[in-house]
Amino acid sequence: MSLILKDLTVSAGKRPLLEIPELVLPAAGFVGIIGPNGAGKSTLLKALAGVVSHGGTKTLDGAWPDAGRIAFLPQDFTVSAAMSVADCVLLGRREHLGWRVTGHDRAEVRRVLSMLDLTPLSDARMDRLSGGQQQRVLLAQRLLRDPRLLILDEPTSALDLHHQLEVLSLLKTLSGGMLVIAALHDLTLAGRFAEQLVLIEGGRVHATDSPERILTGGTLDPVYAIRCEVFRDRDSNPVVVAHPAQGARAGSLER
């Protein structure tokens, strides 16, 4: 089975923001959405999450998951409430909570906190955490939903290098049993962790393929208005280094 979008459109008044005649993605795995600022990445994620009106159809496993099986973490995530980290994560299961919180509920909270190295912060107040800590807590909250489809808009934007690798490694592991779709600005991280990339330009899909085929100068340079060099790290993952396009010849330098 696959995730299939057909004639997906989003508009602001008469101005089209997103026009995707067809896009087919795997039913599970880690898909990275890339593209320059304003290309339509966030709009696509919001349409998938059902938080903006859109035309067209979308199916996953032949239908579309119930809202309770979709977890969406937007780019703006600041929490100013004085609730504890554990209680904030517990809200991820709010649709299923009864009059009291069960031992199983608390055990599940502890499990996802441990996954994201957040156990020592369990009793800390959300409004006293750093932006990166809050981002990991809110990701834990989404994971508590046991989603079929996990949609993330810049999930590592506030994280240090250690936690970027930790979170993306976790997401890649979890994507064996769910579909993870994440917008990522860092092309090197996208190439290292995503199994498929979707390059968005001007509200349309410019290209979709494996990182090895997308992360090339021929594909990236005209979309980002850059001249890039593509190297390989010790595990043969692509490493993208961008240079200004002005006065440079087209294409990339491959190492």
Protein backbone atom coordinates (compact mmCIF):
# COMPACT_ATOMS: atom_id res chain seq x y z
CA MET A 1 0.00 0.00 0.00
CA SER A 2 1.04 3.63 -0.47
CA LEU A 3 0.16 7.19 0.46
CA ILE A 4 -1.37 8.66 -2.68
CA LEU A 5 -2.25 12.31 -3.29
CA LYS A 6 -4.31 13.25 -6.32
CA ASP A 7 -5.10 16.80 -7.45
CA LEU A 8 -4.16 18.15 -4.01
CA THR A 9 -4.63 21.93 -3.96
CA VAL A 10 -4.48 24.60 -1.26
CA SER A 11 -5.35 28.23 -1.94
CA ALA A 12 -5.40 31.54 -0.10
CA GLY A 13 -8.37 33.27 -1.68
CA LYS A 14 -7.69 33.08 -5.41
CA ARG A 15 -3.95 32.60 -4.94
CA PRO A 16 -2.80 28.97 -5.24
CA LEU A 17 -0.36 27.87 -2.53
CA LEU A 18 -0.06 24.22 -3.46
CA GLU A 19 -0.84 22.28 -6.63
CA ILE A 20 0.10 18.61 -6.69
CA PRO A 21 -1.53 16.60 -9.49
CA GLU A 22 -0.17 13.32 -8.10
CA LEU A 23 2.31 12.17 -5.48
CA VAL A 24 2.89 8.59 -4.39
CA LEU A 25 4.84 7.89 -1.20
CA PRO A 26 5.58 4.61 0.59
CA ALA A 27 3.18 3.35 3.25
CA ALA A 28 5.99 3.31 5.82
CA GLY A 29 9.45 4.77 6.13
CA PHE A 30 11.04 8.20 6.53
CA VAL A 31 10.18 10.77 3.85
CA GLY A 32 11.91 14.15 3.87
CA ILE A 33 10.23 17.26 2.44
CA ILE A 34 12.79 19.80 1.24
CA GLY A 35 12.71 23.08 -0.64
CA PRO A 36 13.48 26.78 -0.20
CA ASN A 37 11.58 29.13 2.10
CA GLY A 38 8.03 29.72 0.92
CA ALA A 39 8.06 26.73 -1.41
CA GLY A 40 4.99 25.14 0.22
CA LYS A 41 6.53 22.55 2.55
CA SER A 42 4.53 23.62 5.62
CA THR A 43 1.37 23.97 3.54
CA LEU A 44 1.75 20.40 2.31
CA LEU A 45 2.24 19.10 5.84
CA LYS A 46 -0.80 21.02 7.11
CA ALA A 47 -2.91 19.63 4.28
CA LEU A 48 -1.80 16.10 5.18
CA ALA A 49 -2.56 16.76 8.84
CA GLY A 50 -5.99 18.16 7.97
CA VAL A 51 -5.45 21.55 9.58
CA VAL A 52 -5.96 23.54 6.34
CA SER A 53 -8.72 23.15 3.79
CA HIS A 54 -7.66 21.52 0.55
CA GLY A 55 -9.00 20.09 -2.66
CA GLY A 56 -8.26 16.69 -4.11
CA THR A 57 -7.91 13.32 -2.43
CA LYS A 58 -5.44 11.60 -0.13
CA THR A 59 -5.32 7.94 0.80
CA LEU A 60 -3.09 5.79 2.96
CA ASP A 61 -3.66 2.04 3.05
CA GLY A 62 -6.56 2.61 0.66
CA ALA A 63 -8.42 5.04 2.92
CA TRP A 64 -7.25 7.74 5.34
CA PRO A 65 -6.34 7.25 9.02
CA ASP A 66 -8.64 8.48 11.75
CA ALA A 67 -7.54 11.76 13.31
CA GLY A 68 -6.41 9.85 16.40
CA ARG A 69 -3.83 7.95 14.31
CA ILE A 70 -2.30 11.11 12.83
CA ALA A 71 0.22 13.13 14.84
CA PHE A 72 1.34 16.56 13.64
CA LEU A 73 4.09 18.71 15.17
CA PRO A 74 4.04 22.21 13.63
CA GLN A 75 6.98 24.55 13.37
CA ASP A 76 5.67 26.89 16.10
CA PHE A 77 5.70 24.87 19.29
CA THR A 78 6.29 27.15 22.31
CA VAL A 79 4.44 26.04 25.46
CA SER A 80 3.99 28.68 28.17
CA ALA A 81 1.90 26.57 30.55
CA ALA A 82 3.21 25.67 34.01
CA MET A 83 2.30 21.97 33.64
CA SER A 84 4.88 19.26 34.16
CA VAL A 85 6.64 17.53 31.30
CA ALA A 86 4.92 14.23 32.12
CA ASP A 87 1.47 15.84 32.13
CA CYS A 88 2.20 17.60 28.84
CA VAL A 89 3.15 14.30 27.22
CA LEU A 90 0.04 12.66 28.70
CA LEU A 91 -2.12 15.12 26.74
CA GLY A 92 -1.11 13.23 23.63
CA ARG A 93 -3.62 10.61 24.71
CA ARG A 94 -6.34 13.06 25.69
CA GLU A 95 -9.00 11.49 23.43
CA HIS A 96 -8.64 8.19 25.29
CA LEU A 97 -8.34 9.40 28.87
CA GLY A 98 -11.26 8.68 31.16
CA TRP A 99 -12.03 10.14 34.59
CA ARG A 100 -8.67 9.01 35.87
CA VAL A 101 -5.20 8.36 34.53
CA THR A 102 -4.33 4.66 34.66
CA GLY A 103 -1.04 3.03 35.54
CA HIS A 104 -0.75 1.96 31.92
CA ASP A 105 -1.06 5.58 30.79
CA ARG A 106 1.74 6.63 33.15
CA ALA A 107 3.90 3.71 32.02
CA GLU A 108 3.49 4.75 28.39
CA VAL A 109 4.49 8.31 29.28
CA ARG A 110 7.63 7.01 30.97
CA ARG A 111 8.39 4.90 27.90
CA VAL A 112 8.31 7.75 25.41
CA LEU A 113 10.18 10.09 27.78
CA SER A 114 12.94 7.49 27.98
CA MET A 115 13.06 7.18 24.20
CA LEU A 116 13.89 10.88 23.92
CA ASP A 117 16.26 11.08 26.90
CA LEU A 118 13.72 13.15 28.86
CA THR A 119 13.26 11.04 32.00
CA PRO A 120 15.25 13.45 34.23
CA LEU A 121 12.87 16.26 33.17
CA SER A 122 9.66 14.36 33.91
CA ASP A 123 8.63 16.65 36.79
CA ALA A 124 10.05 19.88 35.32
CA ARG A 125 7.73 22.68 34.30
CA MET A 126 7.21 23.18 30.57
CA ASP A 127 7.51 26.96 30.82
CA ARG A 128 11.01 26.62 32.29
CA LEU A 129 12.46 24.44 29.55
CA SER A 130 14.66 25.54 26.68
CA GLY A 131 13.24 25.55 23.17
CA GLY A 132 15.06 22.35 22.30
CA GLN A 133 13.78 20.57 25.41
CA GLN A 134 10.23 21.67 24.65
CA GLN A 135 10.58 20.41 21.10
CA ARG A 136 11.58 16.95 22.31
CA VAL A 137 8.75 16.90 24.87
CA LEU A 138 6.18 17.73 22.21
CA LEU A 139 7.58 15.04 19.95
CA ALA A 140 7.19 12.59 22.84
CA GLN A 141 3.59 13.78 23.19
CA ARG A 142 2.95 12.94 19.54
CA LEU A 143 4.63 9.55 19.82
CA LEU A 144 2.35 8.69 22.74
CA ARG A 145 -0.49 8.65 20.21
CA ASP A 146 1.04 5.58 18.51
CA PRO A 147 0.44 7.27 15.15
CA ARG A 148 0.08 5.60 11.80
CA LEU A 149 1.20 8.85 10.18
CA LEU A 150 3.66 11.17 11.93
CA ILE A 151 3.98 14.62 10.32
CA LEU A 152 6.77 16.91 11.52
CA ASP A 153 7.62 20.46 10.46
CA GLU A 154 11.30 21.10 11.15
CA PRO A 155 11.51 18.64 14.10
CA THR A 156 15.18 19.46 14.81
CA SER A 157 15.10 23.25 14.36
CA ALA A 158 15.78 23.98 18.06
CA LEU A 159 18.03 21.00 18.82
CA ASP A 160 21.78 20.87 19.33
CA LEU A 161 23.88 18.54 17.20
CA HIS A 162 23.71 15.63 19.64
CA HIS A 163 19.93 15.73 19.91
CA GLN A 164 19.46 16.25 16.17
CA LEU A 165 21.19 12.93 15.56
CA GLU A 166 19.39 11.27 18.47
CA VAL A 167 15.93 12.37 17.35
CA LEU A 168 16.42 11.61 13.66
CA SER A 169 17.92 8.21 14.44
CA LEU A 170 14.89 7.42 16.59
CA LEU A 171 12.48 8.57 13.89
CA LYS A 172 14.22 6.43 11.29
CA THR A 173 13.94 3.40 13.58
CA LEU A 174 10.27 4.05 14.32
CA SER A 175 9.49 4.59 10.63
CA GLY A 176 9.72 0.84 10.13
CA GLY A 177 6.21 0.65 11.60
CA MET A 178 4.73 3.98 10.54
CA LEU A 179 5.06 6.66 7.88
CA VAL A 180 7.14 9.62 9.03
CA ILE A 181 6.99 12.75 6.86
CA ALA A 182 9.26 15.58 7.98
CA ALA A 183 10.15 18.95 6.49
CA LEU A 184 13.89 19.49 6.85
CA HIS A 185 16.05 22.51 5.96
CA ASP A 186 19.35 20.74 6.54
CA LEU A 187 19.93 18.87 3.28
CA THR A 188 22.80 16.84 4.71
CA LEU A 189 20.60 15.53 7.53
CA ALA A 190 17.80 14.89 5.04
CA GLY A 191 20.18 12.85 2.90
CA ARG A 192 21.49 10.92 5.85
CA PHE A 193 18.20 9.88 7.42
CA ALA A 194 15.40 10.05 4.83
CA GLU A 195 14.77 7.15 2.50
CA GLN A 196 12.93 9.32 -0.01
CA LEU A 197 12.96 13.07 -0.62
CA VAL A 198 10.26 15.30 -2.05
CA LEU A 199 11.62 18.59 -3.41
CA ILE A 200 8.99 21.36 -3.41
CA GLU A 201 9.30 24.53 -5.47
CA GLY A 202 6.61 27.17 -5.93
CA GLY A 203 3.89 24.99 -4.47
CA ARG A 204 4.62 22.11 -6.82
CA VAL A 205 6.63 18.91 -6.62
CA HIS A 206 9.85 19.59 -8.50
CA ALA A 207 11.24 16.10 -7.96
CA THR A 208 10.86 13.06 -5.75
CA ASP A 209 13.38 10.24 -5.52
CA SER A 210 16.11 8.78 -3.33
CA PRO A 211 18.51 11.22 -1.60
CA GLU A 212 21.31 10.11 -3.93
CA ARG A 213 19.32 11.24 -6.97
CA ILE A 214 17.83 14.41 -5.49
CA LEU A 215 20.92 15.80 -3.74
CA THR A 216 22.85 16.79 -6.83
CA GLY A 217 23.79 20.15 -8.26
CA GLY A 218 21.68 19.58 -11.33
CA THR A 219 18.58 19.23 -9.18
CA LEU A 220 19.30 21.55 -6.24
CA ASP A 221 21.07 24.50 -7.86
CA PRO A 222 18.17 25.94 -9.91
CA VAL A 223 15.66 25.44 -7.11
CA TYR A 224 17.73 26.97 -4.29
CA ALA A 225 19.60 29.48 -6.53
CA ILE A 226 22.95 28.14 -5.33
CA ARG A 227 25.95 26.28 -6.65
CA CYS A 228 26.52 23.26 -4.46
CA GLU A 229 29.24 20.75 -3.86
CA VAL A 230 28.21 17.23 -2.89
CA PHE A 231 30.69 15.15 -0.90
CA ARG A 232 30.32 11.73 0.73
CA ASP A 233 30.76 11.05 4.43
CA ARG A 234 32.37 7.93 5.86
CA ASP A 235 29.12 6.00 5.39
CA SER A 236 28.72 7.25 1.79
CA ASN A 237 25.83 9.56 2.69
CA PRO A 238 25.65 12.81 0.67
CA VAL A 239 26.98 15.98 2.31
CA VAL A 240 25.76 19.18 0.66
CA VAL A 241 27.85 22.36 0.81
CA ALA A 242 26.18 25.42 -0.72
CA HIS A 243 27.93 28.34 -2.44
CA PRO A 244 26.45 31.53 -3.91
CA ALA A 245 25.30 31.08 -7.47
CA GLN A 246 26.34 34.52 -8.73
CA GLY A 247 29.17 34.33 -11.21
CA ALA A 248 29.44 30.55 -10.88
CA ARG A 249 28.98 28.02 -13.61
CA ALA A 250 26.02 25.68 -13.32
CA GLY A 251 26.32 22.21 -11.87
CA SER A 252 27.97 20.77 -8.81
CA LEU A 253 31.31 19.39 -7.82
CA GLU A 254 31.00 15.78 -6.72
CA ARG A 255 33.55 14.21 -4.40
